[in-house]
Amino acid sequence: MDLQQQVKTDMEGLVNEWKMRDDLNPNDFFVIGCSTSEVAGEHIGTAGSEDLAAVIFAGLKDLKKATGVNLAFQCCEHLNRGLVIEQAAFNPLVHEEVSVIPAPRAGGSMATYAYKHMDNPVVVEKIRASSGIDIGDTMIGMHLKHVAIPLRFAQKMVGKARVTGAKTRPKLIGGERAIYSSQPENKSCN
């Protein structure tokens, strides 16, 4: 099987696992970090491929269609890990738009492909995503809400790149008297 077909098969498996988990909520941000170089079996940042990005993008569009999440494609470190999102998901009270257009050598092939193929894309400096996927050890943690929970998948690779997923949960605040379930308890605060 050629690499593009392998990546397509891998993405189908990964997207199906996300759908079965039922962790994704409509309109939440889902951040994607992806090194197409790593997917091809090369060192990150050395062999980017918009052809591989196209296959990965197609799988993620399927995830968006099935779950209603907003996709956010992380750029490489040359663009300070900015993110490509669709204008419809942009909120000026939360996001700061930056003036840049990703390119394969400054942004990465995945973010470049996403920018070219999303509906009215914008690049923002940061987001606070509820979940995400890291394909090829690109370090998406800076764009996840606290508290991140790593996810394990049966589909551990996309092409030749390792895959790590994450979801988040609200912080547990308080202490021994705090209640963390929706069942009211009869304790006085006095």
N, C-alpha and C. Protein backbone atom coordinates (compact mmCIF):
# COMPACT_ATOMS: atom_id res chain seq x y z
N MET A 1 0.85 -1.17 0.00
CA MET A 1 0.00 0.00 0.00
C MET A 1 0.90 1.24 0.00
N ASP A 2 0.60 2.20 -0.87
CA ASP A 2 1.41 3.41 -0.90
C ASP A 2 1.10 4.28 0.32
N LEU A 3 1.96 5.25 0.59
CA LEU A 3 1.86 6.06 1.80
C LEU A 3 0.54 6.83 1.87
N GLN A 4 0.12 7.44 0.78
CA GLN A 4 -1.13 8.21 0.82
C GLN A 4 -2.32 7.32 1.17
N GLN A 5 -2.36 6.13 0.61
CA GLN A 5 -3.45 5.20 0.94
C GLN A 5 -3.36 4.77 2.39
N GLN A 6 -2.14 4.54 2.88
CA GLN A 6 -1.96 4.17 4.28
C GLN A 6 -2.45 5.29 5.21
N VAL A 7 -2.11 6.53 4.87
CA VAL A 7 -2.55 7.67 5.68
C VAL A 7 -4.07 7.79 5.65
N LYS A 8 -4.67 7.58 4.50
CA LYS A 8 -6.14 7.63 4.40
C LYS A 8 -6.77 6.57 5.30
N THR A 9 -6.25 5.37 5.25
CA THR A 9 -6.76 4.27 6.09
C THR A 9 -6.55 4.60 7.57
N ASP A 10 -5.37 5.10 7.91
CA ASP A 10 -5.06 5.46 9.30
C ASP A 10 -6.00 6.56 9.80
N MET A 11 -6.24 7.57 8.99
CA MET A 11 -7.12 8.67 9.38
C MET A 11 -8.56 8.19 9.55
N GLU A 12 -9.01 7.31 8.68
CA GLU A 12 -10.37 6.77 8.83
C GLU A 12 -10.50 6.05 10.17
N GLY A 13 -9.50 5.24 10.53
CA GLY A 13 -9.54 4.55 11.82
C GLY A 13 -9.53 5.52 12.99
N LEU A 14 -8.69 6.53 12.91
CA LEU A 14 -8.58 7.51 13.98
C LEU A 14 -9.86 8.33 14.14
N VAL A 15 -10.40 8.79 13.03
CA VAL A 15 -11.64 9.57 13.07
C VAL A 15 -12.78 8.71 13.62
N ASN A 16 -12.86 7.47 13.22
CA ASN A 16 -13.90 6.59 13.75
C ASN A 16 -13.77 6.39 15.26
N GLU A 17 -12.53 6.29 15.75
CA GLU A 17 -12.35 6.17 17.20
C GLU A 17 -12.82 7.43 17.92
N TRP A 18 -12.52 8.61 17.36
CA TRP A 18 -12.99 9.86 17.97
C TRP A 18 -14.51 9.89 18.00
N LYS A 19 -15.14 9.49 16.90
CA LYS A 19 -16.60 9.50 16.84
C LYS A 19 -17.19 8.55 17.89
N MET A 20 -16.60 7.39 18.07
CA MET A 20 -17.12 6.42 19.04
C MET A 20 -16.94 6.89 20.48
N ARG A 21 -15.93 7.69 20.75
CA ARG A 21 -15.66 8.17 22.11
C ARG A 21 -16.76 9.10 22.61
N ASP A 22 -17.39 9.83 21.74
CA ASP A 22 -18.45 10.76 22.11
C ASP A 22 -17.94 11.84 23.07
N ASP A 23 -16.69 12.28 22.89
CA ASP A 23 -16.09 13.34 23.72
C ASP A 23 -16.22 14.72 23.10
N LEU A 24 -16.62 14.81 21.86
CA LEU A 24 -16.58 16.07 21.14
C LEU A 24 -17.95 16.73 21.11
N ASN A 25 -17.97 18.01 21.41
CA ASN A 25 -19.21 18.78 21.44
C ASN A 25 -19.23 19.79 20.30
N PRO A 26 -20.40 19.98 19.70
CA PRO A 26 -20.51 20.96 18.61
C PRO A 26 -20.01 22.33 19.06
N ASN A 27 -19.32 23.00 18.16
CA ASN A 27 -18.77 24.35 18.33
C ASN A 27 -17.55 24.43 19.24
N ASP A 28 -17.15 23.33 19.90
CA ASP A 28 -15.90 23.34 20.64
C ASP A 28 -14.75 23.35 19.64
N PHE A 29 -13.61 23.88 20.06
CA PHE A 29 -12.43 23.84 19.21
C PHE A 29 -11.71 22.51 19.38
N PHE A 30 -11.25 21.98 18.24
CA PHE A 30 -10.46 20.76 18.16
C PHE A 30 -9.17 21.14 17.47
N VAL A 31 -8.06 21.15 18.22
CA VAL A 31 -6.79 21.60 17.67
C VAL A 31 -6.06 20.43 17.03
N ILE A 32 -5.43 20.70 15.89
CA ILE A 32 -4.67 19.69 15.18
C ILE A 32 -3.25 20.19 15.01
N GLY A 33 -2.32 19.43 15.56
CA GLY A 33 -0.91 19.64 15.29
C GLY A 33 -0.47 18.50 14.39
N CYS A 34 0.20 18.79 13.30
CA CYS A 34 0.56 17.72 12.37
C CYS A 34 1.85 18.05 11.63
N SER A 35 2.79 17.13 11.70
CA SER A 35 3.99 17.22 10.89
C SER A 35 3.86 16.21 9.76
N THR A 36 3.64 16.72 8.55
CA THR A 36 3.57 15.80 7.41
C THR A 36 4.94 15.19 7.13
N SER A 37 6.01 15.85 7.55
CA SER A 37 7.34 15.25 7.44
C SER A 37 7.41 13.98 8.27
N GLU A 38 6.94 14.04 9.50
CA GLU A 38 6.93 12.86 10.37
C GLU A 38 6.02 11.77 9.81
N VAL A 39 4.89 12.18 9.24
CA VAL A 39 3.97 11.21 8.62
C VAL A 39 4.70 10.44 7.52
N ALA A 40 5.59 11.13 6.81
CA ALA A 40 6.36 10.52 5.73
C ALA A 40 7.58 9.75 6.24
N GLY A 41 7.81 9.79 7.55
CA GLY A 41 8.96 9.07 8.11
C GLY A 41 10.24 9.88 8.15
N GLU A 42 10.12 11.19 7.97
CA GLU A 42 11.29 12.08 8.00
C GLU A 42 11.26 12.94 9.26
N HIS A 43 12.35 13.63 9.52
CA HIS A 43 12.45 14.50 10.69
C HIS A 43 11.52 15.70 10.52
N ILE A 44 10.85 16.09 11.60
CA ILE A 44 9.92 17.21 11.58
C ILE A 44 10.54 18.44 10.90
N GLY A 45 9.78 19.04 10.00
CA GLY A 45 10.22 20.27 9.34
C GLY A 45 11.14 20.08 8.14
N THR A 46 11.35 18.83 7.70
CA THR A 46 12.31 18.62 6.62
C THR A 46 11.71 18.13 5.31
N ALA A 47 10.50 17.60 5.34
CA ALA A 47 9.95 16.99 4.11
C ALA A 47 8.44 17.17 4.05
N GLY A 48 7.97 18.38 4.30
CA GLY A 48 6.53 18.65 4.31
C GLY A 48 5.87 18.28 3.00
N SER A 49 4.59 17.91 3.10
CA SER A 49 3.87 17.48 1.91
C SER A 49 2.42 17.93 1.97
N GLU A 50 2.04 18.79 1.04
CA GLU A 50 0.64 19.20 0.96
C GLU A 50 -0.23 18.05 0.44
N ASP A 51 0.36 17.10 -0.28
CA ASP A 51 -0.40 15.92 -0.72
C ASP A 51 -0.83 15.09 0.48
N LEU A 52 0.07 14.88 1.43
CA LEU A 52 -0.30 14.16 2.65
C LEU A 52 -1.26 15.00 3.50
N ALA A 53 -1.02 16.31 3.52
CA ALA A 53 -1.92 17.21 4.26
C ALA A 53 -3.34 17.10 3.73
N ALA A 54 -3.49 16.97 2.42
CA ALA A 54 -4.82 16.86 1.81
C ALA A 54 -5.56 15.63 2.32
N VAL A 55 -4.86 14.53 2.45
CA VAL A 55 -5.48 13.29 2.92
C VAL A 55 -5.90 13.44 4.39
N ILE A 56 -5.04 14.02 5.19
CA ILE A 56 -5.34 14.23 6.61
C ILE A 56 -6.50 15.22 6.76
N PHE A 57 -6.46 16.29 6.00
CA PHE A 57 -7.51 17.31 6.03
C PHE A 57 -8.87 16.68 5.71
N ALA A 58 -8.93 15.82 4.71
CA ALA A 58 -10.19 15.17 4.34
C ALA A 58 -10.75 14.36 5.51
N GLY A 59 -9.90 13.65 6.21
CA GLY A 59 -10.35 12.89 7.37
C GLY A 59 -10.88 13.79 8.48
N LEU A 60 -10.20 14.90 8.69
CA LEU A 60 -10.63 15.82 9.75
C LEU A 60 -11.90 16.57 9.37
N LYS A 61 -12.10 16.84 8.09
CA LYS A 61 -13.37 17.44 7.65
C LYS A 61 -14.53 16.48 7.94
N ASP A 62 -14.28 15.18 7.80
CA ASP A 62 -15.28 14.18 8.13
C ASP A 62 -15.60 14.23 9.63
N LEU A 63 -14.58 14.39 10.46
CA LEU A 63 -14.79 14.51 11.90
C LEU A 63 -15.63 15.74 12.21
N LYS A 64 -15.31 16.86 11.57
CA LYS A 64 -16.07 18.11 11.77
C LYS A 64 -17.53 17.92 11.37
N LYS A 65 -17.75 17.29 10.23
CA LYS A 65 -19.11 17.07 9.74
C LYS A 65 -19.90 16.19 10.71
N ALA A 66 -19.26 15.17 11.26
CA ALA A 66 -19.95 14.23 12.15
C ALA A 66 -20.20 14.79 13.54
N THR A 67 -19.34 15.70 14.01
CA THR A 67 -19.42 16.15 15.41
C THR A 67 -19.76 17.62 15.59
N GLY A 68 -19.52 18.43 14.57
CA GLY A 68 -19.77 19.87 14.68
C GLY A 68 -18.66 20.66 15.33
N VAL A 69 -17.50 20.05 15.56
CA VAL A 69 -16.39 20.79 16.17
C VAL A 69 -15.82 21.80 15.18
N ASN A 70 -15.15 22.81 15.71
CA ASN A 70 -14.41 23.78 14.91
C ASN A 70 -12.96 23.32 14.85
N LEU A 71 -12.44 23.14 13.66
CA LEU A 71 -11.06 22.71 13.50
C LEU A 71 -10.12 23.90 13.61
N ALA A 72 -8.99 23.68 14.29
CA ALA A 72 -7.96 24.70 14.44
C ALA A 72 -6.62 24.04 14.13
N PHE A 73 -6.00 24.43 13.03
CA PHE A 73 -4.77 23.82 12.57
C PHE A 73 -3.57 24.63 13.06
N GLN A 74 -2.75 24.00 13.88
CA GLN A 74 -1.59 24.67 14.46
C GLN A 74 -0.49 24.84 13.42
N CYS A 75 0.05 26.04 13.35
CA CYS A 75 1.21 26.31 12.49
C CYS A 75 2.48 25.86 13.21
N CYS A 76 3.58 25.83 12.48
CA CYS A 76 4.85 25.44 13.08
C CYS A 76 5.42 26.58 13.93
N GLU A 77 6.56 26.32 14.54
CA GLU A 77 7.15 27.30 15.46
C GLU A 77 7.59 28.58 14.75
N HIS A 78 7.80 28.54 13.44
CA HIS A 78 8.19 29.75 12.71
C HIS A 78 7.09 30.80 12.70
N LEU A 79 5.85 30.37 12.95
CA LEU A 79 4.73 31.30 13.10
C LEU A 79 4.22 31.28 14.54
N ASN A 80 5.11 30.96 15.45
CA ASN A 80 4.79 30.96 16.89
C ASN A 80 3.59 30.09 17.24
N ARG A 81 3.39 29.03 16.47
CA ARG A 81 2.30 28.08 16.70
C ARG A 81 0.92 28.73 16.61
N GLY A 82 0.81 29.77 15.76
CA GLY A 82 -0.50 30.36 15.49
C GLY A 82 -1.43 29.28 14.95
N LEU A 83 -2.70 29.60 14.82
CA LEU A 83 -3.70 28.61 14.41
C LEU A 83 -4.58 29.12 13.29
N VAL A 84 -4.86 28.25 12.34
CA VAL A 84 -5.77 28.56 11.24
C VAL A 84 -7.16 28.06 11.63
N ILE A 85 -8.12 28.99 11.67
CA ILE A 85 -9.51 28.64 11.96
C ILE A 85 -10.40 29.28 10.90
N GLU A 86 -11.66 28.89 10.89
CA GLU A 86 -12.59 29.53 9.96
C GLU A 86 -13.15 30.80 10.59
N GLN A 87 -13.38 31.79 9.77
CA GLN A 87 -13.92 33.07 10.23
C GLN A 87 -15.20 32.88 11.05
N ALA A 88 -16.03 31.92 10.68
CA ALA A 88 -17.29 31.68 11.39
C ALA A 88 -17.07 31.30 12.85
N ALA A 89 -15.90 30.74 13.17
CA ALA A 89 -15.60 30.34 14.55
C ALA A 89 -14.84 31.43 15.31
N PHE A 90 -14.43 32.47 14.62
CA PHE A 90 -13.66 33.55 15.22
C PHE A 90 -14.54 34.39 16.13
N ASN A 91 -14.04 34.66 17.33
CA ASN A 91 -14.74 35.51 18.29
C ASN A 91 -13.76 36.62 18.70
N PRO A 92 -14.00 37.87 18.30
CA PRO A 92 -13.05 38.94 18.61
C PRO A 92 -12.90 39.22 20.11
N LEU A 93 -13.82 38.75 20.93
CA LEU A 93 -13.68 38.92 22.37
C LEU A 93 -12.73 37.90 22.98
N VAL A 94 -12.45 36.84 22.23
CA VAL A 94 -11.61 35.75 22.73
C VAL A 94 -10.32 35.60 21.93
N HIS A 95 -10.41 35.78 20.63
CA HIS A 95 -9.27 35.53 19.74
C HIS A 95 -8.62 36.82 19.27
N GLU A 96 -7.32 36.74 19.07
CA GLU A 96 -6.60 37.85 18.46
C GLU A 96 -6.12 37.40 17.09
N GLU A 97 -6.66 38.04 16.05
CA GLU A 97 -6.23 37.71 14.70
C GLU A 97 -4.84 38.27 14.47
N VAL A 98 -4.02 37.52 13.73
CA VAL A 98 -2.68 37.98 13.36
C VAL A 98 -2.60 38.04 11.84
N SER A 99 -1.69 38.86 11.34
CA SER A 99 -1.55 39.07 9.90
C SER A 99 -0.44 38.18 9.36
N VAL A 100 -0.82 37.01 8.86
CA VAL A 100 0.14 36.10 8.25
C VAL A 100 -0.63 35.09 7.42
N ILE A 101 0.00 34.62 6.38
CA ILE A 101 -0.55 33.54 5.58
C ILE A 101 0.45 32.40 5.67
N PRO A 102 0.05 31.25 6.20
CA PRO A 102 0.98 30.13 6.32
C PRO A 102 1.51 29.68 4.96
N ALA A 103 2.77 29.27 4.96
CA ALA A 103 3.44 28.71 3.78
C ALA A 103 4.17 27.45 4.25
N PRO A 104 4.47 26.54 3.34
CA PRO A 104 5.10 25.28 3.78
C PRO A 104 6.35 25.46 4.64
N ARG A 105 7.20 26.44 4.36
CA ARG A 105 8.43 26.62 5.15
C ARG A 105 8.27 27.62 6.28
N ALA A 106 7.09 28.20 6.42
CA ALA A 106 6.80 29.12 7.52
C ALA A 106 5.33 28.95 7.87
N GLY A 107 5.05 27.93 8.62
CA GLY A 107 3.68 27.60 8.99
C GLY A 107 3.45 26.11 8.92
N GLY A 108 4.10 25.47 7.96
CA GLY A 108 3.98 24.03 7.80
C GLY A 108 2.97 23.66 6.72
N SER A 109 3.16 22.49 6.15
CA SER A 109 2.31 22.04 5.05
C SER A 109 0.87 21.83 5.47
N MET A 110 0.63 21.33 6.69
CA MET A 110 -0.74 21.08 7.14
C MET A 110 -1.51 22.39 7.30
N ALA A 111 -0.92 23.35 7.99
CA ALA A 111 -1.59 24.65 8.18
C ALA A 111 -1.74 25.38 6.85
N THR A 112 -0.77 25.25 5.96
CA THR A 112 -0.85 25.87 4.64
C THR A 112 -2.01 25.29 3.85
N TYR A 113 -2.12 23.97 3.85
CA TYR A 113 -3.21 23.33 3.12
C TYR A 113 -4.55 23.74 3.71
N ALA A 114 -4.64 23.74 5.04
CA ALA A 114 -5.90 24.12 5.71
C ALA A 114 -6.28 25.55 5.32
N TYR A 115 -5.31 26.47 5.35
CA TYR A 115 -5.58 27.87 5.01
C TYR A 115 -6.14 27.98 3.59
N LYS A 116 -5.61 27.20 2.68
CA LYS A 116 -6.05 27.25 1.28
C LYS A 116 -7.43 26.62 1.07
N HIS A 117 -7.85 25.72 1.98
CA HIS A 117 -9.06 24.94 1.73
C HIS A 117 -10.18 25.13 2.75
N MET A 118 -9.98 25.99 3.73
CA MET A 118 -11.05 26.28 4.69
C MET A 118 -11.93 27.39 4.13
N ASP A 119 -13.14 27.49 4.68
CA ASP A 119 -14.06 28.57 4.29
C ASP A 119 -13.64 29.84 5.02
N ASN A 120 -13.13 30.83 4.28
CA ASN A 120 -12.76 32.12 4.83
C ASN A 120 -11.85 31.98 6.07
N PRO A 121 -10.63 31.48 5.90
CA PRO A 121 -9.74 31.24 7.04
C PRO A 121 -9.16 32.53 7.62
N VAL A 122 -8.87 32.47 8.91
CA VAL A 122 -8.12 33.51 9.60
C VAL A 122 -7.08 32.81 10.46
N VAL A 123 -6.03 33.52 10.79
CA VAL A 123 -5.00 32.98 11.68
C VAL A 123 -5.10 33.74 12.99
N VAL A 124 -5.15 33.00 14.08
CA VAL A 124 -5.22 33.59 15.41
C VAL A 124 -3.98 33.18 16.20
N GLU A 125 -3.69 34.00 17.21
CA GLU A 125 -2.49 33.76 18.00
C GLU A 125 -2.63 32.54 18.91
N LYS A 126 -3.82 32.37 19.51
CA LYS A 126 -4.01 31.24 20.42
C LYS A 126 -5.48 30.94 20.58
N ILE A 127 -5.76 29.75 21.05
CA ILE A 127 -7.12 29.35 21.41
C ILE A 127 -7.03 28.52 22.68
N ARG A 128 -8.18 28.16 23.20
CA ARG A 128 -8.27 27.25 24.34
C ARG A 128 -9.21 26.13 23.92
N ALA A 129 -8.63 25.12 23.30
CA ALA A 129 -9.41 24.01 22.73
C ALA A 129 -9.81 23.01 23.80
N SER A 130 -10.94 22.36 23.56
CA SER A 130 -11.44 21.33 24.48
C SER A 130 -10.85 19.96 24.18
N SER A 131 -10.29 19.80 22.98
CA SER A 131 -9.71 18.51 22.60
C SER A 131 -8.79 18.73 21.42
N GLY A 132 -8.05 17.69 21.08
CA GLY A 132 -7.16 17.82 19.95
C GLY A 132 -6.39 16.55 19.67
N ILE A 133 -5.63 16.64 18.61
CA ILE A 133 -4.81 15.51 18.17
C ILE A 133 -3.46 16.02 17.71
N ASP A 134 -2.44 15.29 18.08
CA ASP A 134 -1.07 15.62 17.72
C ASP A 134 -0.53 14.49 16.87
N ILE A 135 -0.25 14.79 15.63
CA ILE A 135 0.28 13.79 14.69
C ILE A 135 1.74 14.16 14.42
N GLY A 136 2.65 13.40 15.00
CA GLY A 136 4.07 13.65 14.76
C GLY A 136 4.75 14.50 15.81
N ASP A 137 4.26 14.49 17.05
CA ASP A 137 4.93 15.16 18.17
C ASP A 137 5.14 16.66 17.94
N THR A 138 4.07 17.37 17.63
CA THR A 138 4.15 18.81 17.36
C THR A 138 3.82 19.68 18.57
N MET A 139 3.45 19.08 19.68
CA MET A 139 3.22 19.80 20.94
C MET A 139 2.04 20.76 20.91
N ILE A 140 0.83 20.21 20.98
CA ILE A 140 -0.39 21.03 20.95
C ILE A 140 -0.83 21.54 22.32
N GLY A 141 -0.16 21.12 23.37
CA GLY A 141 -0.60 21.42 24.73
C GLY A 141 -0.85 22.88 25.03
N MET A 142 -0.11 23.77 24.40
CA MET A 142 -0.28 25.20 24.68
C MET A 142 -1.64 25.73 24.23
N HIS A 143 -2.36 24.95 23.42
CA HIS A 143 -3.65 25.39 22.92
C HIS A 143 -4.82 24.62 23.53
N LEU A 144 -4.57 23.83 24.57
CA LEU A 144 -5.63 23.08 25.24
C LEU A 144 -6.01 23.76 26.54
N LYS A 145 -7.28 23.66 26.87
CA LYS A 145 -7.73 24.15 28.18
C LYS A 145 -7.10 23.30 29.27
N HIS A 146 -7.08 23.85 30.48
CA HIS A 146 -6.73 23.04 31.64
C HIS A 146 -7.98 22.31 32.05
N VAL A 147 -8.03 21.13 32.34
CA VAL A 147 -7.00 20.15 32.59
C VAL A 147 -7.02 19.15 31.43
N ALA A 148 -5.86 18.93 30.80
CA ALA A 148 -5.77 18.03 29.66
C ALA A 148 -5.65 16.58 30.13
N ILE A 149 -6.35 15.71 29.43
CA ILE A 149 -6.34 14.28 29.73
C ILE A 149 -5.87 13.56 28.46
N PRO A 150 -4.74 12.83 28.54
CA PRO A 150 -4.28 12.12 27.35
C PRO A 150 -5.23 10.98 27.00
N LEU A 151 -5.38 10.74 25.71
CA LEU A 151 -6.24 9.67 25.22
C LEU A 151 -5.40 8.63 24.49
N ARG A 152 -5.78 7.39 24.66
CA ARG A 152 -5.10 6.29 23.97
C ARG A 152 -6.02 5.77 22.88
N PHE A 153 -5.45 5.53 21.72
CA PHE A 153 -6.21 5.03 20.59
C PHE A 153 -5.61 3.71 20.12
N ALA A 154 -6.45 2.87 19.55
CA ALA A 154 -5.94 1.67 18.90
C ALA A 154 -5.10 2.07 17.70
N GLN A 155 -5.52 3.15 17.00
CA GLN A 155 -4.77 3.67 15.86
C GLN A 155 -3.67 4.56 16.41
N LYS A 156 -2.47 4.01 16.55
CA LYS A 156 -1.37 4.72 17.20
C LYS A 156 -0.49 5.52 16.23
N MET A 157 -0.69 5.31 14.93
CA MET A 157 0.15 5.97 13.93
C MET A 157 -0.71 6.51 12.80
N VAL A 158 -0.25 7.60 12.19
CA VAL A 158 -0.76 8.06 10.91
C VAL A 158 0.47 8.07 10.01
N GLY A 159 0.47 7.18 9.04
CA GLY A 159 1.68 6.98 8.26
C GLY A 159 2.75 6.49 9.21
N LYS A 160 3.85 7.22 9.29
CA LYS A 160 4.95 6.82 10.17
C LYS A 160 5.07 7.72 11.40
N ALA A 161 4.04 8.53 11.65
CA ALA A 161 4.06 9.48 12.77
C ALA A 161 3.21 8.97 13.92
N ARG A 162 3.72 9.14 15.13
CA ARG A 162 2.95 8.81 16.34
C ARG A 162 1.77 9.74 16.48
N VAL A 163 0.70 9.20 17.07
CA VAL A 163 -0.51 9.98 17.30
C VAL A 163 -0.80 10.02 18.79
N THR A 164 -1.08 11.21 19.28
CA THR A 164 -1.51 11.39 20.66
C THR A 164 -2.76 12.26 20.64
N GLY A 165 -3.76 11.87 21.40
CA GLY A 165 -4.98 12.67 21.50
C GLY A 165 -5.13 13.22 22.91
N ALA A 166 -5.98 14.21 23.03
CA ALA A 166 -6.26 14.79 24.35
C ALA A 166 -7.66 15.37 24.37
N LYS A 167 -8.26 15.28 25.53
CA LYS A 167 -9.50 16.00 25.80
C LYS A 167 -9.25 16.76 27.08
N THR A 168 -10.16 17.64 27.42
CA THR A 168 -9.99 18.41 28.66
C THR A 168 -11.22 18.24 29.53
N ARG A 169 -11.05 18.60 30.78
CA ARG A 169 -12.17 18.62 31.72
C ARG A 169 -12.05 19.90 32.53
N PRO A 170 -13.16 20.36 33.10
CA PRO A 170 -13.07 21.54 33.96
C PRO A 170 -12.17 21.27 35.17
N LYS A 171 -11.53 22.31 35.66
CA LYS A 171 -10.71 22.19 36.87
C LYS A 171 -11.60 21.84 38.05
N LEU A 172 -11.07 21.04 38.95
CA LEU A 172 -11.75 20.77 40.22
C LEU A 172 -11.21 21.79 41.21
N ILE A 173 -12.07 22.67 41.69
CA ILE A 173 -11.63 23.69 42.63
C ILE A 173 -12.32 23.46 43.96
N GLY A 174 -11.81 24.06 44.98
CA GLY A 174 -12.43 23.92 46.29
C GLY A 174 -11.51 23.17 47.23
N GLY A 175 -12.00 22.12 47.78
CA GLY A 175 -11.25 21.32 48.73
C GLY A 175 -12.13 20.21 49.24
N GLU A 176 -11.88 19.78 50.45
CA GLU A 176 -12.61 18.62 50.97
C GLU A 176 -14.10 18.86 51.11
N ARG A 177 -14.54 20.13 51.20
CA ARG A 177 -15.97 20.41 51.33
C ARG A 177 -16.65 20.65 49.98
N ALA A 178 -15.88 20.71 48.93
CA ALA A 178 -16.44 20.96 47.59
C ALA A 178 -17.21 19.74 47.10
N ILE A 179 -18.18 20.00 46.26
CA ILE A 179 -19.00 18.95 45.67
C ILE A 179 -18.70 18.94 44.18
N TYR A 180 -18.41 17.77 43.64
CA TYR A 180 -18.03 17.67 42.24
C TYR A 180 -19.05 16.96 41.37
N SER A 181 -20.14 16.52 41.94
CA SER A 181 -21.19 15.91 41.12
C SER A 181 -22.39 16.85 41.12
N SER A 182 -23.38 16.54 40.33
CA SER A 182 -24.54 17.41 40.23
C SER A 182 -25.56 17.14 41.34
N GLN A 183 -25.28 16.21 42.23
CA GLN A 183 -26.20 15.90 43.34
C GLN A 183 -25.97 16.90 44.46
N PRO A 184 -27.00 17.68 44.83
CA PRO A 184 -26.83 18.65 45.94
C PRO A 184 -26.64 17.90 47.27
N GLU A 185 -25.76 18.46 48.08
CA GLU A 185 -25.52 17.87 49.38
C GLU A 185 -25.93 18.88 50.43
N ASN A 186 -26.35 18.43 51.58
CA ASN A 186 -26.90 19.27 52.63
C ASN A 186 -25.80 19.72 53.60
N LYS A 187 -24.78 20.42 53.14
CA LYS A 187 -23.73 20.92 54.01
C LYS A 187 -23.82 22.43 54.06
N SER A 188 -23.71 22.96 55.22
CA SER A 188 -23.75 24.40 55.40
C SER A 188 -22.37 25.00 55.20
N CYS A 189 -22.32 26.18 54.69
CA CYS A 189 -21.05 26.88 54.51
C CYS A 189 -20.68 27.66 55.76
N ASN A 190 -21.52 27.67 56.75
CA ASN A 190 -21.26 28.45 57.97
C ASN A 190 -20.32 27.74 58.89
